[in-house]
C-alpha atoms as a PDB file:
ATOM      1  CA  MET A   1       8.130 -11.800  11.291  1.00  0.00           C
ATOM      2  CA  ALA A   2      10.748  -9.504  12.815  1.00  0.00           C
ATOM      3  CA  MET A   3      10.055  -5.900  13.771  1.00  0.00           C
ATOM      4  CA  GLU A   4      12.408  -4.680  11.025  1.00  0.00           C
ATOM      5  CA  ASP A   5      10.420  -6.644   8.431  1.00  0.00           C
ATOM      6  CA  LEU A   6       7.177  -5.152   9.703  1.00  0.00           C
ATOM      7  CA  LYS A   7       8.590  -1.615   9.525  1.00  0.00           C
ATOM      8  CA  ARG A   8       9.792  -2.259   5.971  1.00  0.00           C
ATOM      9  CA  ILE A   9       6.395  -3.619   4.913  1.00  0.00           C
ATOM     10  CA  LEU A  10       4.394  -0.815   6.498  1.00  0.00           C
ATOM     11  CA  PHE A  11       6.574   2.195   5.706  1.00  0.00           C
ATOM     12  CA  THR A  12       8.339   1.452   2.408  1.00  0.00           C
ATOM     13  CA  THR A  13       7.592   0.076  -1.042  1.00  0.00           C
ATOM     14  CA  ASP A  14      10.115  -2.740  -0.480  1.00  0.00           C
ATOM     15  CA  ILE A  15       7.576  -5.549  -0.387  1.00  0.00           C
ATOM     16  CA  ARG A  16       9.367  -8.807  -1.171  1.00  0.00           C
ATOM     17  CA  ASP A  17       6.560 -11.315  -1.665  1.00  0.00           C
ATOM     18  CA  ILE A  18       2.808 -11.664  -1.989  1.00  0.00           C
ATOM     19  CA  GLY A  19       2.414 -12.473   1.722  1.00  0.00           C
ATOM     20  CA  GLU A  20       4.023  -9.180   2.692  1.00  0.00           C
ATOM     21  CA  ALA A  21       1.773  -7.364   0.225  1.00  0.00           C
ATOM     22  CA  LEU A  22      -1.284  -8.950   1.849  1.00  0.00           C
ATOM     23  CA  VAL A  23      -0.100  -7.921   5.328  1.00  0.00           C
ATOM     24  CA  ALA A  24       0.326  -4.355   4.073  1.00  0.00           C
ATOM     25  CA  ASP A  25      -3.192  -4.419   2.597  1.00  0.00           C
ATOM     26  CA  ILE A  26      -4.736  -5.644   5.846  1.00  0.00           C
ATOM     27  CA  VAL A  27      -2.985  -2.892   7.799  1.00  0.00           C
ATOM     28  CA  ASP A  28      -4.129  -0.324   5.219  1.00  0.00           C
ATOM     29  CA  ALA A  29      -7.739  -1.129   6.107  1.00  0.00           C
ATOM     30  CA  ILE A  30      -7.209  -0.107   9.745  1.00  0.00           C
ATOM     31  CA  PRO A  31      -8.467   3.461  10.205  1.00  0.00           C
ATOM     32  CA  ILE A  32      -5.727   6.052  10.771  1.00  0.00           C
ATOM     33  CA  VAL A  33      -2.967   3.404  10.970  1.00  0.00           C
ATOM     34  CA  GLY A  34      -3.455   2.580   7.284  1.00  0.00           C
ATOM     35  CA  ASP A  35      -3.444   6.259   6.343  1.00  0.00           C
ATOM     36  CA  ILE A  36      -0.160   6.806   8.162  1.00  0.00           C
ATOM     37  CA  SER A  37       1.341   3.722   6.531  1.00  0.00           C
ATOM     38  CA  ASN A  38       0.202   4.901   3.089  1.00  0.00           C
ATOM     39  CA  PHE A  39       1.709   8.350   3.668  1.00  0.00           C
ATOM     40  CA  PHE A  40       5.138   6.809   4.235  1.00  0.00           C
ATOM     41  CA  LYS A  41       4.744   4.389   1.309  1.00  0.00           C
ATOM     42  CA  VAL A  42       3.834   7.199  -1.076  1.00  0.00           C
ATOM     43  CA  ARG A  43       6.804   9.238   0.157  1.00  0.00           C
ATOM     44  CA  ASP A  44       9.095   6.240  -0.370  1.00  0.00           C
ATOM     45  CA  ALA A  45       7.620   5.548  -3.818  1.00  0.00           C
ATOM     46  CA  ILE A  46       8.227   9.160  -4.868  1.00  0.00           C
ATOM     47  CA  LYS A  47      11.810   8.999  -3.622  1.00  0.00           C
ATOM     48  CA  LYS A  48      12.448   5.692  -5.456  1.00  0.00           C
ATOM     49  CA  LYS A  49      10.354   6.624  -8.523  1.00  0.00           C
ATOM     50  CA  GLU A  50       8.239   3.491  -8.072  1.00  0.00           C
ATOM     51  CA  SER A  51       5.451   4.290 -10.524  1.00  0.00           C
ATOM     52  CA  ALA A  52       3.514   1.047  -9.941  1.00  0.00           C
ATOM     53  CA  PHE A  53       3.136   1.791  -6.242  1.00  0.00           C
ATOM     54  CA  LEU A  54       2.335   5.446  -6.853  1.00  0.00           C
ATOM     55  CA  VAL A  55      -0.394   4.650  -9.342  1.00  0.00           C
ATOM     56  CA  ALA A  56      -1.976   1.901  -7.238  1.00  0.00           C
ATOM     57  CA  LEU A  57      -1.795   3.810  -3.950  1.00  0.00           C
ATOM     58  CA  ARG A  58      -2.914   7.168  -5.289  1.00  0.00           C
ATOM     59  CA  ILE A  59      -5.830   5.754  -7.297  1.00  0.00           C
ATOM     60  CA  GLY A  60      -6.879   3.637  -4.323  1.00  0.00           C
ATOM     61  CA  ASP A  61      -6.679   6.594  -1.951  1.00  0.00           C
ATOM     62  CA  PHE A  62      -8.499   8.913  -4.349  1.00  0.00           C
ATOM     63  CA  LEU A  63     -11.359   6.557  -5.190  1.00  0.00           C
ATOM     64  CA  GLY A  64     -11.653   5.329  -1.626  1.00  0.00           C
ATOM     65  CA  GLY A  65     -11.751   8.861  -0.270  1.00  0.00           C
ATOM     66  CA  LEU A  66     -14.548  10.074  -2.536  1.00  0.00           C
ATOM     67  CA  ILE A  67     -17.276   8.791  -0.224  1.00  0.00           C
ATOM     68  CA  PRO A  68     -16.759   9.551   3.488  1.00  0.00           C
ATOM     69  CA  GLY A  69     -16.405   6.392   5.555  1.00  0.00           C
ATOM     70  CA  TYR A  70     -16.064   4.243   2.475  1.00  0.00           C
ATOM     71  CA  GLY A  71     -12.267   4.419   2.352  1.00  0.00           C
ATOM     72  CA  ASP A  72     -11.693   1.586   4.818  1.00  0.00           C
ATOM     73  CA  VAL A  73     -14.098  -0.727   2.998  1.00  0.00           C
ATOM     74  CA  PHE A  74     -12.517   0.273  -0.298  1.00  0.00           C
ATOM     75  CA  ASP A  75      -9.076  -0.638   1.129  1.00  0.00           C
ATOM     76  CA  LEU A  76     -10.338  -4.164   1.789  1.00  0.00           C
ATOM     77  CA  LEU A  77     -11.892  -4.488  -1.660  1.00  0.00           C
ATOM     78  CA  THR A  78      -8.900  -3.114  -3.567  1.00  0.00           C
ATOM     79  CA  PRO A  79      -5.623  -4.535  -2.278  1.00  0.00           C
ATOM     80  CA  THR A  80      -3.418  -1.749  -3.638  1.00  0.00           C
ATOM     81  CA  ASN A  81      -0.188  -3.143  -2.185  1.00  0.00           C
ATOM     82  CA  THR A  82      -0.812  -6.513  -3.794  1.00  0.00           C
ATOM     83  CA  ILE A  83      -1.718  -4.866  -7.098  1.00  0.00           C
ATOM     84  CA  ALA A  84       1.416  -2.708  -6.963  1.00  0.00           C
ATOM     85  CA  TYR A  85       3.568  -5.734  -6.083  1.00  0.00           C
ATOM     86  CA  ILE A  86       2.199  -7.678  -9.075  1.00  0.00           C
ATOM     87  CA  LEU A  87       2.671  -4.695 -11.415  1.00  0.00           C
ATOM     88  CA  LYS A  88       6.242  -4.285 -10.176  1.00  0.00           C
ATOM     89  CA  LYS A  89       6.995  -7.988 -10.775  1.00  0.00           C
ATOM     90  CA  MET A  90       5.483  -7.861 -14.279  1.00  0.00           C
ATOM     91  CA  ARG A  91       7.822  -5.020 -15.246  1.00  0.00           C
ATOM     92  CA  ARG A  92      10.942  -6.999 -14.372  1.00  0.00           C
END
């Protein structure tokens, strides 16, 4: 995987296959790094009006953030990037 692909996966909603979605979900579970990645993904989703990503990421962040320290575990249990990718594919 090239550095440009990794940047695209981590900082945009342009996830091209299920493998990339899984990579994004694994990174999301890393404390602080995942939060930074999600910030850029949400910003990109707003700019592109990607409702599937916005819904999945915002619900995941909200529910995961309700209980302190639970967010990282919640990220592993709810693969929001994979869910958003599937929702996006279903709409096409």
